[in-house]
All heavy atoms as atom14 arrays in JSON, in Angstrom:
{
  "sequence": "LDRLRLTKERIHAMAEGIREVVALPDPVGEVEQTVTRPNGLTIQKVRV",
  "atom14_mask": [
    [1, 1, 1, 1, 1, 1, 1, 1, 0, 0, 0, 0, 0, 0],
    [1, 1, 1, 1, 1, 1, 1, 1, 0, 0, 0, 0, 0, 0],
    [1, 1, 1, 1, 1, 1, 1, 1, 1, 1, 1, 0, 0, 0],
    [1, 1, 1, 1, 1, 1, 1, 1, 0, 0, 0, 0, 0, 0],
    [1, 1, 1, 1, 1, 1, 1, 1, 1, 1, 1, 0, 0, 0],
    [1, 1, 1, 1, 1, 1, 1, 1, 0, 0, 0, 0, 0, 0],
    [1, 1, 1, 1, 1, 1, 1, 0, 0, 0, 0, 0, 0, 0],
    [1, 1, 1, 1, 1, 1, 1, 1, 1, 0, 0, 0, 0, 0],
    [1, 1, 1, 1, 1, 1, 1, 1, 1, 0, 0, 0, 0, 0],
    [1, 1, 1, 1, 1, 1, 1, 1, 1, 1, 1, 0, 0, 0],
    [1, 1, 1, 1, 1, 1, 1, 1, 0, 0, 0, 0, 0, 0],
    [1, 1, 1, 1, 1, 1, 1, 1, 1, 1, 0, 0, 0, 0],
    [1, 1, 1, 1, 1, 0, 0, 0, 0, 0, 0, 0, 0, 0],
    [1, 1, 1, 1, 1, 1, 1, 1, 0, 0, 0, 0, 0, 0],
    [1, 1, 1, 1, 1, 0, 0, 0, 0, 0, 0, 0, 0, 0],
    [1, 1, 1, 1, 1, 1, 1, 1, 1, 0, 0, 0, 0, 0],
    [1, 1, 1, 1, 0, 0, 0, 0, 0, 0, 0, 0, 0, 0],
    [1, 1, 1, 1, 1, 1, 1, 1, 0, 0, 0, 0, 0, 0],
    [1, 1, 1, 1, 1, 1, 1, 1, 1, 1, 1, 0, 0, 0],
    [1, 1, 1, 1, 1, 1, 1, 1, 1, 0, 0, 0, 0, 0],
    [1, 1, 1, 1, 1, 1, 1, 0, 0, 0, 0, 0, 0, 0],
    [1, 1, 1, 1, 1, 1, 1, 0, 0, 0, 0, 0, 0, 0],
    [1, 1, 1, 1, 1, 0, 0, 0, 0, 0, 0, 0, 0, 0],
    [1, 1, 1, 1, 1, 1, 1, 1, 0, 0, 0, 0, 0, 0],
    [1, 1, 1, 1, 1, 1, 1, 0, 0, 0, 0, 0, 0, 0],
    [1, 1, 1, 1, 1, 1, 1, 1, 0, 0, 0, 0, 0, 0],
    [1, 1, 1, 1, 1, 1, 1, 0, 0, 0, 0, 0, 0, 0],
    [1, 1, 1, 1, 1, 1, 1, 0, 0, 0, 0, 0, 0, 0],
    [1, 1, 1, 1, 0, 0, 0, 0, 0, 0, 0, 0, 0, 0],
    [1, 1, 1, 1, 1, 1, 1, 1, 1, 0, 0, 0, 0, 0],
    [1, 1, 1, 1, 1, 1, 1, 0, 0, 0, 0, 0, 0, 0],
    [1, 1, 1, 1, 1, 1, 1, 1, 1, 0, 0, 0, 0, 0],
    [1, 1, 1, 1, 1, 1, 1, 1, 1, 0, 0, 0, 0, 0],
    [1, 1, 1, 1, 1, 1, 1, 0, 0, 0, 0, 0, 0, 0],
    [1, 1, 1, 1, 1, 1, 1, 0, 0, 0, 0, 0, 0, 0],
    [1, 1, 1, 1, 1, 1, 1, 0, 0, 0, 0, 0, 0, 0],
    [1, 1, 1, 1, 1, 1, 1, 1, 1, 1, 1, 0, 0, 0],
    [1, 1, 1, 1, 1, 1, 1, 0, 0, 0, 0, 0, 0, 0],
    [1, 1, 1, 1, 1, 1, 1, 1, 0, 0, 0, 0, 0, 0],
    [1, 1, 1, 1, 0, 0, 0, 0, 0, 0, 0, 0, 0, 0],
    [1, 1, 1, 1, 1, 1, 1, 1, 0, 0, 0, 0, 0, 0],
    [1, 1, 1, 1, 1, 1, 1, 0, 0, 0, 0, 0, 0, 0],
    [1, 1, 1, 1, 1, 1, 1, 1, 0, 0, 0, 0, 0, 0],
    [1, 1, 1, 1, 1, 1, 1, 1, 1, 0, 0, 0, 0, 0],
    [1, 1, 1, 1, 1, 1, 1, 1, 1, 0, 0, 0, 0, 0],
    [1, 1, 1, 1, 1, 1, 1, 0, 0, 0, 0, 0, 0, 0],
    [1, 1, 1, 1, 1, 1, 1, 1, 1, 1, 1, 0, 0, 0],
    [1, 1, 1, 1, 1, 1, 1, 0, 0, 0, 0, 0, 0, 0]
  ],
  "atom14_positions": [
    [[-17.01, 12.82, -2.27], [-16.36, 13.41, -1.03], [-15.37, 12.41, -0.46], [-14.29, 12.77, -0.01], [-17.43, 13.86, -0.02], [-18.03, 15.22, -0.17], [-19.17, 15.38, 0.91], [-16.98, 16.31, 0.02], [0.0, 0.0, 0.0], [0.0, 0.0, 0.0], [0.0, 0.0, 0.0], [0.0, 0.0, 0.0], [0.0, 0.0, 0.0], [0.0, 0.0, 0.0]],
    [[-15.77, 11.18, -0.44], [-14.91, 10.13, 0.09], [-13.62, 10.0, -0.8], [-12.56, 9.73, -0.16], [-15.59, 8.8, 0.2], [-14.73, 7.71, 0.84], [-14.36, 7.88, 2.02], [-14.39, 6.74, 0.12], [0.0, 0.0, 0.0], [0.0, 0.0, 0.0], [0.0, 0.0, 0.0], [0.0, 0.0, 0.0], [0.0, 0.0, 0.0], [0.0, 0.0, 0.0]],
    [[-13.72, 10.18, -2.06], [-12.54, 10.12, -2.94], [-11.52, 11.27, -2.54], [-10.33, 11.09, -2.67], [-12.98, 10.29, -4.43], [-13.54, 9.11, -5.01], [-14.22, 9.37, -6.34], [-13.24, 9.73, -7.35], [-13.09, 9.17, -8.52], [-13.82, 8.1, -8.78], [-12.23, 9.55, -9.41], [0.0, 0.0, 0.0], [0.0, 0.0, 0.0], [0.0, 0.0, 0.0]],
    [[-12.12, 12.41, -2.13], [-11.3, 13.6, -1.91], [-10.72, 13.6, -0.51], [-9.6, 14.09, -0.21], [-12.16, 14.83, -2.06], [-11.56, 16.22, -1.8], [-10.3, 16.41, -2.69], [-12.57, 17.31, -2.05], [0.0, 0.0, 0.0], [0.0, 0.0, 0.0], [0.0, 0.0, 0.0], [0.0, 0.0, 0.0], [0.0, 0.0, 0.0], [0.0, 0.0, 0.0]],
    [[-11.38, 12.97, 0.4], [-11.05, 13.05, 1.85], [-9.74, 12.29, 2.14], [-9.49, 11.28, 1.71], [-12.16, 12.47, 2.75], [-11.8, 12.58, 4.25], [-12.95, 11.96, 5.04], [-14.18, 12.74, 4.98], [-15.25, 12.34, 4.28], [-15.24, 11.2, 3.59], [-16.3, 13.21, 4.24], [0.0, 0.0, 0.0], [0.0, 0.0, 0.0], [0.0, 0.0, 0.0]],
    [[-8.87, 13.01, 2.89], [-7.65, 12.41, 3.49], [-7.73, 12.24, 4.94], [-8.35, 13.13, 5.56], [-6.36, 13.26, 3.05], [-5.99, 13.23, 1.56], [-4.81, 14.14, 1.36], [-5.71, 11.88, 1.12], [0.0, 0.0, 0.0], [0.0, 0.0, 0.0], [0.0, 0.0, 0.0], [0.0, 0.0, 0.0], [0.0, 0.0, 0.0], [0.0, 0.0, 0.0]],
    [[-7.12, 11.24, 5.42], [-7.03, 11.05, 6.87], [-5.55, 10.66, 7.19], [-4.79, 10.41, 6.29], [-7.9, 9.86, 7.37], [-7.49, 8.67, 6.72], [-9.39, 10.09, 7.04], [0.0, 0.0, 0.0], [0.0, 0.0, 0.0], [0.0, 0.0, 0.0], [0.0, 0.0, 0.0], [0.0, 0.0, 0.0], [0.0, 0.0, 0.0], [0.0, 0.0, 0.0]],
    [[-5.24, 10.67, 8.43], [-3.9, 10.25, 8.85], [-3.56, 8.9, 8.29], [-2.45, 8.57, 7.76], [-3.71, 10.3, 10.36], [-2.31, 10.04, 10.84], [-2.24, 10.13, 12.42], [-0.81, 9.79, 12.87], [-0.75, 9.94, 14.35], [0.0, 0.0, 0.0], [0.0, 0.0, 0.0], [0.0, 0.0, 0.0], [0.0, 0.0, 0.0], [0.0, 0.0, 0.0]],
    [[-4.58, 7.91, 8.43], [-4.41, 6.55, 7.93], [-4.19, 6.53, 6.42], [-3.32, 5.73, 5.93], [-5.59, 5.71, 8.31], [-5.81, 5.5, 9.81], [-6.2, 6.73, 10.58], [-6.77, 7.62, 10.0], [-5.93, 6.82, 11.85], [0.0, 0.0, 0.0], [0.0, 0.0, 0.0], [0.0, 0.0, 0.0], [0.0, 0.0, 0.0], [0.0, 0.0, 0.0]],
    [[-4.97, 7.34, 5.69], [-4.76, 7.35, 4.24], [-3.43, 7.94, 3.85], [-2.79, 7.49, 2.85], [-5.93, 8.09, 3.59], [-7.22, 7.38, 3.67], [-8.35, 8.1, 2.9], [-9.53, 7.28, 2.93], [-10.75, 7.65, 2.29], [-10.79, 8.75, 1.59], [-11.8, 6.8, 2.33], [0.0, 0.0, 0.0], [0.0, 0.0, 0.0], [0.0, 0.0, 0.0]],
    [[-2.93, 8.93, 4.52], [-1.63, 9.5, 4.21], [-0.57, 8.45, 4.54], [0.43, 8.28, 3.76], [-1.36, 10.77, 4.96], [-2.33, 11.88, 4.41], [0.06, 11.26, 4.87], [-2.4, 13.12, 5.27], [0.0, 0.0, 0.0], [0.0, 0.0, 0.0], [0.0, 0.0, 0.0], [0.0, 0.0, 0.0], [0.0, 0.0, 0.0], [0.0, 0.0, 0.0]],
    [[-0.72, 7.74, 5.68], [0.24, 6.65, 5.9], [0.23, 5.59, 4.77], [1.25, 5.09, 4.39], [-0.06, 5.99, 7.2], [0.71, 4.8, 7.54], [2.1, 4.89, 7.86], [0.39, 3.43, 7.66], [2.54, 3.63, 8.14], [1.57, 2.8, 7.93], [0.0, 0.0, 0.0], [0.0, 0.0, 0.0], [0.0, 0.0, 0.0], [0.0, 0.0, 0.0]],
    [[-0.95, 5.22, 4.33], [-1.09, 4.28, 3.19], [-0.43, 4.76, 1.96], [0.21, 4.0, 1.21], [-2.56, 3.98, 3.03], [0.0, 0.0, 0.0], [0.0, 0.0, 0.0], [0.0, 0.0, 0.0], [0.0, 0.0, 0.0], [0.0, 0.0, 0.0], [0.0, 0.0, 0.0], [0.0, 0.0, 0.0], [0.0, 0.0, 0.0], [0.0, 0.0, 0.0]],
    [[-0.54, 6.08, 1.68], [0.14, 6.65, 0.54], [1.61, 6.55, 0.7], [2.32, 6.16, -0.25], [-0.26, 8.13, 0.42], [-1.77, 8.4, -0.07], [-2.39, 10.03, 0.3], [-1.26, 11.06, -0.56], [0.0, 0.0, 0.0], [0.0, 0.0, 0.0], [0.0, 0.0, 0.0], [0.0, 0.0, 0.0], [0.0, 0.0, 0.0], [0.0, 0.0, 0.0]],
    [[2.17, 6.9, 1.85], [3.61, 6.68, 2.11], [4.05, 5.24, 1.99], [5.06, 5.0, 1.38], [3.96, 7.2, 3.5], [0.0, 0.0, 0.0], [0.0, 0.0, 0.0], [0.0, 0.0, 0.0], [0.0, 0.0, 0.0], [0.0, 0.0, 0.0], [0.0, 0.0, 0.0], [0.0, 0.0, 0.0], [0.0, 0.0, 0.0], [0.0, 0.0, 0.0]],
    [[3.22, 4.3, 2.46], [3.54, 2.87, 2.29], [3.51, 2.44, 0.8], [4.33, 1.61, 0.39], [2.55, 2.09, 3.16], [2.79, 2.08, 4.61], [4.19, 1.58, 5.01], [4.47, 0.38, 4.69], [5.01, 2.31, 5.51], [0.0, 0.0, 0.0], [0.0, 0.0, 0.0], [0.0, 0.0, 0.0], [0.0, 0.0, 0.0], [0.0, 0.0, 0.0]],
    [[2.69, 3.1, 0.12], [2.65, 2.76, -1.34], [3.93, 3.23, -2.02], [4.43, 2.5, -2.92], [0.0, 0.0, 0.0], [0.0, 0.0, 0.0], [0.0, 0.0, 0.0], [0.0, 0.0, 0.0], [0.0, 0.0, 0.0], [0.0, 0.0, 0.0], [0.0, 0.0, 0.0], [0.0, 0.0, 0.0], [0.0, 0.0, 0.0], [0.0, 0.0, 0.0]],
    [[4.44, 4.33, -1.58], [5.72, 4.72, -2.14], [6.85, 3.8, -1.72], [7.68, 3.37, -2.58], [6.17, 6.15, -1.64], [5.08, 7.21, -2.15], [7.49, 6.54, -2.13], [5.27, 8.57, -1.58], [0.0, 0.0, 0.0], [0.0, 0.0, 0.0], [0.0, 0.0, 0.0], [0.0, 0.0, 0.0], [0.0, 0.0, 0.0], [0.0, 0.0, 0.0]],
    [[6.78, 3.34, -0.49], [7.9, 2.43, -0.01], [7.71, 1.01, -0.73], [8.72, 0.32, -0.96], [7.71, 2.18, 1.48], [8.04, 3.5, 2.25], [7.9, 3.31, 3.78], [8.21, 4.54, 4.47], [7.28, 5.21, 5.17], [6.07, 4.74, 5.3], [7.63, 6.38, 5.72], [0.0, 0.0, 0.0], [0.0, 0.0, 0.0], [0.0, 0.0, 0.0]],
    [[6.51, 0.62, -1.11], [6.35, -0.59, -1.86], [7.01, -0.53, -3.29], [7.5, -1.51, -3.78], [4.82, -0.95, -1.97], [4.24, -1.31, -0.63], [2.69, -1.48, -0.68], [2.2, -1.27, -1.82], [2.06, -1.67, 0.32], [0.0, 0.0, 0.0], [0.0, 0.0, 0.0], [0.0, 0.0, 0.0], [0.0, 0.0, 0.0], [0.0, 0.0, 0.0]],
    [[7.0, 0.66, -3.81], [7.65, 0.81, -5.12], [9.18, 0.58, -5.02], [9.79, 0.06, -5.97], [7.33, 2.21, -5.71], [8.06, 2.43, -6.99], [5.9, 2.38, -5.98], [0.0, 0.0, 0.0], [0.0, 0.0, 0.0], [0.0, 0.0, 0.0], [0.0, 0.0, 0.0], [0.0, 0.0, 0.0], [0.0, 0.0, 0.0], [0.0, 0.0, 0.0]],
    [[9.74, 0.9, -3.86], [11.17, 0.63, -3.67], [11.47, -0.84, -3.88], [12.53, -1.18, -4.42], [11.6, 1.12, -2.23], [12.98, 0.68, -1.93], [11.39, 2.68, -2.15], [0.0, 0.0, 0.0], [0.0, 0.0, 0.0], [0.0, 0.0, 0.0], [0.0, 0.0, 0.0], [0.0, 0.0, 0.0], [0.0, 0.0, 0.0], [0.0, 0.0, 0.0]],
    [[10.6, -1.74, -3.46], [10.81, -3.13, -3.52], [10.69, -3.75, -4.92], [11.12, -4.84, -5.13], [9.97, -3.85, -2.48], [0.0, 0.0, 0.0], [0.0, 0.0, 0.0], [0.0, 0.0, 0.0], [0.0, 0.0, 0.0], [0.0, 0.0, 0.0], [0.0, 0.0, 0.0], [0.0, 0.0, 0.0], [0.0, 0.0, 0.0], [0.0, 0.0, 0.0]],
    [[10.09, -3.0, -5.81], [9.86, -3.42, -7.14], [11.16, -3.44, -8.04], [11.97, -2.59, -7.83], [8.76, -2.58, -7.83], [7.37, -2.66, -7.13], [6.41, -1.69, -7.82], [6.84, -4.09, -7.16], [0.0, 0.0, 0.0], [0.0, 0.0, 0.0], [0.0, 0.0, 0.0], [0.0, 0.0, 0.0], [0.0, 0.0, 0.0], [0.0, 0.0, 0.0]],
    [[11.24, -4.36, -8.98], [12.39, -4.43, -9.85], [12.39, -3.06, -10.69], [11.4, -2.57, -11.16], [12.16, -5.58, -10.7], [11.18, -6.43, -9.99], [10.39, -5.53, -9.24], [0.0, 0.0, 0.0], [0.0, 0.0, 0.0], [0.0, 0.0, 0.0], [0.0, 0.0, 0.0], [0.0, 0.0, 0.0], [0.0, 0.0, 0.0], [0.0, 0.0, 0.0]],
    [[13.65, -2.58, -10.92], [13.78, -1.36, -11.73], [13.93, -1.79, -13.18], [14.8, -2.52, -13.55], [15.06, -0.65, -11.3], [15.29, 0.67, -12.02], [14.55, 0.96, -12.87], [16.25, 1.41, -11.64], [0.0, 0.0, 0.0], [0.0, 0.0, 0.0], [0.0, 0.0, 0.0], [0.0, 0.0, 0.0], [0.0, 0.0, 0.0], [0.0, 0.0, 0.0]],
    [[12.97, -1.35, -14.09], [13.04, -1.8, -15.44], [14.09, -1.06, -16.21], [14.52, -1.53, -17.37], [11.65, -1.44, -15.99], [11.23, -0.27, -15.12], [11.83, -0.54, -13.73], [0.0, 0.0, 0.0], [0.0, 0.0, 0.0], [0.0, 0.0, 0.0], [0.0, 0.0, 0.0], [0.0, 0.0, 0.0], [0.0, 0.0, 0.0], [0.0, 0.0, 0.0]],
    [[14.58, 0.08, -15.76], [15.55, 0.86, -16.55], [16.86, 0.17, -16.67], [17.38, -0.28, -15.68], [15.71, 2.27, -15.92], [16.77, 3.12, -16.65], [14.35, 3.05, -15.84], [0.0, 0.0, 0.0], [0.0, 0.0, 0.0], [0.0, 0.0, 0.0], [0.0, 0.0, 0.0], [0.0, 0.0, 0.0], [0.0, 0.0, 0.0], [0.0, 0.0, 0.0]],
    [[17.37, 0.04, -17.87], [18.62, -0.61, -18.1], [18.39, -2.1, -18.39], [19.44, -2.77, -18.74], [0.0, 0.0, 0.0], [0.0, 0.0, 0.0], [0.0, 0.0, 0.0], [0.0, 0.0, 0.0], [0.0, 0.0, 0.0], [0.0, 0.0, 0.0], [0.0, 0.0, 0.0], [0.0, 0.0, 0.0], [0.0, 0.0, 0.0], [0.0, 0.0, 0.0]],
    [[17.25, -2.62, -18.26], [17.02, -4.01, -18.51], [17.25, -4.36, -19.98], [16.75, -3.65, -20.85], [15.55, -4.38, -18.16], [15.12, -5.85, -18.44], [13.64, -6.06, -18.19], [13.05, -5.34, -17.32], [13.11, -6.95, -18.87], [0.0, 0.0, 0.0], [0.0, 0.0, 0.0], [0.0, 0.0, 0.0], [0.0, 0.0, 0.0], [0.0, 0.0, 0.0]],
    [[18.01, -5.39, -20.22], [18.38, -5.8, -21.62], [17.32, -6.85, -22.02], [17.27, -7.99, -21.52], [19.79, -6.3, -21.73], [20.07, -6.82, -23.18], [20.82, -5.2, -21.32], [0.0, 0.0, 0.0], [0.0, 0.0, 0.0], [0.0, 0.0, 0.0], [0.0, 0.0, 0.0], [0.0, 0.0, 0.0], [0.0, 0.0, 0.0], [0.0, 0.0, 0.0]],
    [[16.46, -6.52, -22.92], [15.39, -7.38, -23.3], [15.81, -8.35, -24.42], [15.28, -9.5, -24.47], [14.18, -6.59, -23.78], [13.54, -5.77, -22.7], [12.08, -5.37, -23.11], [11.76, -5.4, -24.32], [11.29, -5.15, -22.18], [0.0, 0.0, 0.0], [0.0, 0.0, 0.0], [0.0, 0.0, 0.0], [0.0, 0.0, 0.0], [0.0, 0.0, 0.0]],
    [[16.78, -8.0, -25.16], [17.21, -8.84, -26.21], [18.63, -8.57, -26.7], [19.04, -7.34, -26.66], [16.31, -8.75, -27.47], [16.52, -9.66, -28.6], [15.47, -9.43, -29.74], [14.95, -8.37, -29.84], [15.28, -10.42, -30.56], [0.0, 0.0, 0.0], [0.0, 0.0, 0.0], [0.0, 0.0, 0.0], [0.0, 0.0, 0.0], [0.0, 0.0, 0.0]],
    [[19.43, -9.52, -26.91], [20.79, -9.32, -27.51], [20.96, -10.18, -28.73], [20.68, -11.39, -28.69], [21.88, -9.71, -26.48], [21.69, -8.84, -25.29], [23.27, -9.4, -27.04], [0.0, 0.0, 0.0], [0.0, 0.0, 0.0], [0.0, 0.0, 0.0], [0.0, 0.0, 0.0], [0.0, 0.0, 0.0], [0.0, 0.0, 0.0], [0.0, 0.0, 0.0]],
    [[21.35, -9.5, -29.76], [21.6, -10.22, -31.07], [22.99, -9.88, -31.53], [23.4, -8.74, -31.55], [20.52, -9.8, -32.12], [20.87, -10.47, -33.45], [19.15, -10.13, -31.67], [0.0, 0.0, 0.0], [0.0, 0.0, 0.0], [0.0, 0.0, 0.0], [0.0, 0.0, 0.0], [0.0, 0.0, 0.0], [0.0, 0.0, 0.0], [0.0, 0.0, 0.0]],
    [[23.71, -10.96, -31.94], [25.06, -10.71, -32.55], [24.94, -11.0, -34.07], [24.56, -12.16, -34.42], [26.11, -11.61, -31.87], [26.22, -11.32, -30.51], [27.48, -11.33, -32.52], [0.0, 0.0, 0.0], [0.0, 0.0, 0.0], [0.0, 0.0, 0.0], [0.0, 0.0, 0.0], [0.0, 0.0, 0.0], [0.0, 0.0, 0.0], [0.0, 0.0, 0.0]],
    [[25.18, -10.03, -34.87], [25.04, -10.22, -36.3], [26.27, -10.87, -36.96], [27.38, -10.87, -36.3], [24.85, -8.81, -36.94], [23.64, -8.04, -36.42], [22.36, -8.75, -36.85], [22.25, -8.75, -38.3], [21.6, -9.6, -38.95], [20.98, -10.73, -38.29], [21.49, -9.6, -40.3], [0.0, 0.0, 0.0], [0.0, 0.0, 0.0], [0.0, 0.0, 0.0]],
    [[26.14, -11.41, -38.14], [27.32, -12.04, -38.77], [28.46, -11.13, -39.02], [29.64, -11.54, -39.09], [26.72, -12.44, -40.13], [25.26, -12.66, -39.89], [24.88, -11.64, -38.94], [0.0, 0.0, 0.0], [0.0, 0.0, 0.0], [0.0, 0.0, 0.0], [0.0, 0.0, 0.0], [0.0, 0.0, 0.0], [0.0, 0.0, 0.0], [0.0, 0.0, 0.0]],
    [[28.23, -9.78, -39.04], [29.27, -8.85, -39.23], [30.01, -8.48, -37.92], [30.86, -7.59, -37.89], [28.77, -7.61, -39.95], [27.79, -6.81, -39.2], [27.42, -7.17, -38.09], [27.21, -5.79, -39.83], [0.0, 0.0, 0.0], [0.0, 0.0, 0.0], [0.0, 0.0, 0.0], [0.0, 0.0, 0.0], [0.0, 0.0, 0.0], [0.0, 0.0, 0.0]],
    [[29.58, -9.11, -36.8], [30.14, -8.82, -35.52], [29.52, -7.79, -34.67], [29.85, -7.58, -33.51], [0.0, 0.0, 0.0], [0.0, 0.0, 0.0], [0.0, 0.0, 0.0], [0.0, 0.0, 0.0], [0.0, 0.0, 0.0], [0.0, 0.0, 0.0], [0.0, 0.0, 0.0], [0.0, 0.0, 0.0], [0.0, 0.0, 0.0], [0.0, 0.0, 0.0]],
    [[28.49, -7.05, -35.22], [27.79, -6.03, -34.43], [26.95, -6.74, -33.35], [26.3, -7.79, -33.66], [26.89, -5.22, -35.34], [27.51, -4.16, -36.25], [26.42, -3.5, -37.07], [28.24, -3.14, -35.43], [0.0, 0.0, 0.0], [0.0, 0.0, 0.0], [0.0, 0.0, 0.0], [0.0, 0.0, 0.0], [0.0, 0.0, 0.0], [0.0, 0.0, 0.0]],
    [[26.98, -6.23, -32.17], [26.14, -6.71, -31.01], [25.08, -5.65, -30.87], [25.33, -4.56, -30.62], [26.92, -6.88, -29.79], [27.98, -7.84, -30.0], [26.0, -7.39, -28.65], [0.0, 0.0, 0.0], [0.0, 0.0, 0.0], [0.0, 0.0, 0.0], [0.0, 0.0, 0.0], [0.0, 0.0, 0.0], [0.0, 0.0, 0.0], [0.0, 0.0, 0.0]],
    [[23.83, -6.09, -31.02], [22.63, -5.19, -30.86], [21.86, -5.57, -29.71], [21.37, -6.74, -29.54], [21.78, -5.27, -32.13], [22.63, -4.97, -33.44], [20.57, -4.36, -32.07], [21.89, -5.27, -34.71], [0.0, 0.0, 0.0], [0.0, 0.0, 0.0], [0.0, 0.0, 0.0], [0.0, 0.0, 0.0], [0.0, 0.0, 0.0], [0.0, 0.0, 0.0]],
    [[21.72, -4.64, -28.77], [20.9, -4.86, -27.54], [19.61, -3.93, -27.51], [19.74, -2.81, -27.85], [21.69, -4.6, -26.32], [22.86, -5.65, -26.05], [23.59, -5.42, -24.82], [23.84, -4.22, -24.42], [23.88, -6.4, -24.08], [0.0, 0.0, 0.0], [0.0, 0.0, 0.0], [0.0, 0.0, 0.0], [0.0, 0.0, 0.0], [0.0, 0.0, 0.0]],
    [[18.59, -4.48, -27.12], [17.28, -3.72, -26.83], [17.25, -3.46, -25.41], [17.06, -4.39, -24.55], [16.1, -4.57, -27.36], [14.75, -3.92, -27.3], [13.71, -4.88, -27.91], [12.32, -4.27, -27.88], [11.28, -5.22, -28.4], [0.0, 0.0, 0.0], [0.0, 0.0, 0.0], [0.0, 0.0, 0.0], [0.0, 0.0, 0.0], [0.0, 0.0, 0.0]],
    [[17.29, -2.23, -25.0], [17.42, -1.81, -23.64], [16.3, -0.88, -23.19], [15.92, 0.01, -23.91], [18.78, -1.01, -23.44], [19.0, -0.69, -21.97], [19.96, -1.89, -23.97], [0.0, 0.0, 0.0], [0.0, 0.0, 0.0], [0.0, 0.0, 0.0], [0.0, 0.0, 0.0], [0.0, 0.0, 0.0], [0.0, 0.0, 0.0], [0.0, 0.0, 0.0]],
    [[15.76, -1.19, -22.03], [14.69, -0.4, -21.41], [15.19, 0.96, -20.98], [16.21, 1.06, -20.29], [14.14, -1.09, -20.26], [13.11, -2.22, -20.59], [11.73, -1.72, -20.83], [11.0, -2.52, -21.8], [9.95, -2.05, -22.51], [9.46, -0.89, -22.31], [9.38, -2.83, -23.39], [0.0, 0.0, 0.0], [0.0, 0.0, 0.0], [0.0, 0.0, 0.0]],
    [[14.5, 2.04, -21.38], [14.91, 3.38, -20.96], [13.67, 4.21, -20.53], [12.52, 3.86, -20.93], [15.63, 4.13, -22.12], [16.88, 3.47, -22.47], [14.73, 4.21, -23.35], [0.0, 0.0, 0.0], [0.0, 0.0, 0.0], [0.0, 0.0, 0.0], [0.0, 0.0, 0.0], [0.0, 0.0, 0.0], [0.0, 0.0, 0.0], [0.0, 0.0, 0.0]]
  ]
}
């Protein structure tokens, strides 16, 4: 029952949890590795 119960304080904590995600680094678009091959190709490993 306690797992299921919501209170005003718990809803506020849920909203704060969302706001905390705002402060986290965005992994999308992060370039994890860049390799330039002998033939001139540039290969990037990108987070999506």
